[in-house]
C-alpha atoms as a PDB file:
ATOM      1  CA  UNK A   1      -1.268 -69.988 -18.226  1.00  0.00           C
ATOM      2  CA  UNK A   2      -4.736 -67.796 -17.459  1.00  0.00           C
ATOM      3  CA  UNK A   3      -7.862 -69.437 -18.077  1.00  0.00           C
ATOM      4  CA  UNK A   4     -10.851 -67.895 -20.054  1.00  0.00           C
ATOM      5  CA  UNK A   5     -12.547 -66.936 -17.190  1.00  0.00           C
ATOM      6  CA  UNK A   6      -9.747 -65.055 -15.404  1.00  0.00           C
ATOM      7  CA  UNK A   7      -9.284 -62.911 -18.455  1.00  0.00           C
ATOM      8  CA  UNK A   8     -12.678 -62.090 -19.091  1.00  0.00           C
ATOM      9  CA  UNK A   9     -13.128 -61.047 -15.479  1.00  0.00           C
ATOM     10  CA  UNK A  10      -9.705 -59.026 -15.176  1.00  0.00           C
ATOM     11  CA  UNK A  11     -10.872 -57.516 -18.808  1.00  0.00           C
ATOM     12  CA  UNK A  12     -14.421 -56.165 -17.479  1.00  0.00           C
ATOM     13  CA  UNK A  13     -12.823 -55.247 -14.214  1.00  0.00           C
ATOM     14  CA  UNK A  14     -10.127 -52.930 -16.251  1.00  0.00           C
ATOM     15  CA  UNK A  15     -12.766 -51.286 -18.729  1.00  0.00           C
ATOM     16  CA  UNK A  16     -15.273 -50.693 -15.586  1.00  0.00           C
ATOM     17  CA  UNK A  17     -12.129 -48.605 -13.871  1.00  0.00           C
ATOM     18  CA  UNK A  18     -11.177 -46.997 -17.155  1.00  0.00           C
ATOM     19  CA  UNK A  19     -14.959 -46.031 -17.705  1.00  0.00           C
ATOM     20  CA  UNK A  20     -15.324 -44.733 -13.933  1.00  0.00           C
ATOM     21  CA  UNK A  21     -12.227 -42.757 -14.261  1.00  0.00           C
ATOM     22  CA  UNK A  22     -13.250 -41.076 -17.575  1.00  0.00           C
ATOM     23  CA  UNK A  23     -17.003 -40.672 -17.082  1.00  0.00           C
ATOM     24  CA  UNK A  24     -16.469 -37.571 -14.653  1.00  0.00           C
ATOM     25  CA  UNK A  25     -17.699 -35.357 -17.377  1.00  0.00           C
ATOM     26  CA  UNK A  26     -14.991 -32.587 -16.086  1.00  0.00           C
ATOM     27  CA  UNK A  27     -13.245 -30.914 -18.940  1.00  0.00           C
ATOM     28  CA  UNK A  28     -10.279 -28.640 -18.756  1.00  0.00           C
ATOM     29  CA  UNK A  29      -7.784 -28.351 -15.907  1.00  0.00           C
ATOM     30  CA  UNK A  30      -8.655 -27.870 -12.380  1.00  0.00           C
ATOM     31  CA  UNK A  31      -8.855 -24.883 -10.399  1.00  0.00           C
ATOM     32  CA  UNK A  32     -10.352 -22.816  -7.621  1.00  0.00           C
ATOM     33  CA  UNK A  33     -12.450 -20.083  -8.713  1.00  0.00           C
ATOM     34  CA  UNK A  34     -11.436 -16.565  -7.291  1.00  0.00           C
ATOM     35  CA  UNK A  35     -14.414 -14.622  -8.223  1.00  0.00           C
ATOM     36  CA  UNK A  36     -16.719 -12.524  -5.691  1.00  0.00           C
ATOM     37  CA  UNK A  37     -19.565 -15.067  -6.240  1.00  0.00           C
ATOM     38  CA  UNK A  38     -17.347 -17.906  -5.240  1.00  0.00           C
ATOM     39  CA  UNK A  39     -15.684 -16.229  -2.131  1.00  0.00           C
ATOM     40  CA  UNK A  40     -19.192 -15.874  -0.688  1.00  0.00           C
ATOM     41  CA  UNK A  41     -20.415 -19.769  -1.297  1.00  0.00           C
ATOM     42  CA  UNK A  42     -19.769 -22.253   2.175  1.00  0.00           C
ATOM     43  CA  UNK A  43     -16.790 -24.178   1.775  1.00  0.00           C
ATOM     44  CA  UNK A  44     -16.864 -28.356   2.726  1.00  0.00           C
ATOM     45  CA  UNK A  45     -16.150 -27.685   6.277  1.00  0.00           C
ATOM     46  CA  UNK A  46     -19.124 -25.314   6.741  1.00  0.00           C
ATOM     47  CA  UNK A  47     -21.606 -27.269   4.525  1.00  0.00           C
ATOM     48  CA  UNK A  48     -20.770 -30.249   6.734  1.00  0.00           C
ATOM     49  CA  UNK A  49     -21.377 -28.578   9.882  1.00  0.00           C
ATOM     50  CA  UNK A  50     -17.628 -29.221  11.226  1.00  0.00           C
ATOM     51  CA  UNK A  51     -16.693 -26.855  14.072  1.00  0.00           C
ATOM     52  CA  UNK A  52     -14.080 -24.428  13.672  1.00  0.00           C
ATOM     53  CA  UNK A  53     -14.190 -23.162  10.423  1.00  0.00           C
ATOM     54  CA  UNK A  54     -13.737 -19.500   9.869  1.00  0.00           C
ATOM     55  CA  UNK A  55     -13.008 -16.777   7.376  1.00  0.00           C
ATOM     56  CA  UNK A  56      -9.182 -17.238   8.427  1.00  0.00           C
ATOM     57  CA  UNK A  57      -9.556 -20.936   6.911  1.00  0.00           C
ATOM     58  CA  UNK A  58     -10.391 -19.283   3.381  1.00  0.00           C
ATOM     59  CA  UNK A  59     -14.289 -19.288   3.569  1.00  0.00           C
ATOM     60  CA  UNK A  60     -17.103 -16.994   4.347  1.00  0.00           C
ATOM     61  CA  UNK A  61     -18.267 -17.439   7.804  1.00  0.00           C
ATOM     62  CA  UNK A  62     -21.658 -18.993   8.461  1.00  0.00           C
ATOM     63  CA  UNK A  63     -24.872 -17.686  10.525  1.00  0.00           C
ATOM     64  CA  UNK A  64     -25.090 -19.440  13.399  1.00  0.00           C
ATOM     65  CA  UNK A  65     -28.626 -21.312  13.487  1.00  0.00           C
ATOM     66  CA  UNK A  66     -31.263 -19.720  15.548  1.00  0.00           C
ATOM     67  CA  UNK A  67     -31.352 -21.130  19.377  1.00  0.00           C
ATOM     68  CA  UNK A  68     -33.914 -24.265  19.759  1.00  0.00           C
ATOM     69  CA  UNK A  69     -36.552 -23.867  22.486  1.00  0.00           C
ATOM     70  CA  UNK A  70     -35.031 -26.031  25.271  1.00  0.00           C
ATOM     71  CA  UNK A  71     -37.443 -28.863  26.946  1.00  0.00           C
ATOM     72  CA  UNK A  72     -39.083 -27.768  29.792  1.00  0.00           C
ATOM     73  CA  UNK A  73     -37.526 -28.924  33.362  1.00  0.00           C
ATOM     74  CA  UNK A  74     -39.248 -31.057  35.552  1.00  0.00           C
ATOM     75  CA  UNK A  75     -39.597 -29.955  38.922  1.00  0.00           C
ATOM     76  CA  UNK A  76     -37.534 -31.353  41.411  1.00  0.00           C
ATOM     77  CA  UNK A  77     -39.669 -34.709  43.258  1.00  0.00           C
ATOM     78  CA  UNK A  78     -41.117 -33.636  46.893  1.00  0.00           C
ATOM     79  CA  UNK A  79     -39.861 -35.085  49.852  1.00  0.00           C
ATOM     80  CA  UNK A  80     -42.187 -36.867  52.172  1.00  0.00           C
END
């Protein structure tokens, strides 16, 4: 038989799981937006900066970042 402590822990764990699954706040069916404004938004891989994302993968291509200034190179050591 289960002890009272085990029953309590399992009940709390079940309640937490049910609350976390039901508390997302999204209502209605899930869908992919197809409006022109939605097509111009960055996709998740583009937002994360994963290379290889392009318009062929479903999102608008983002502008590349401007080049940063290169670190100055040190002159070679003088031969003695």
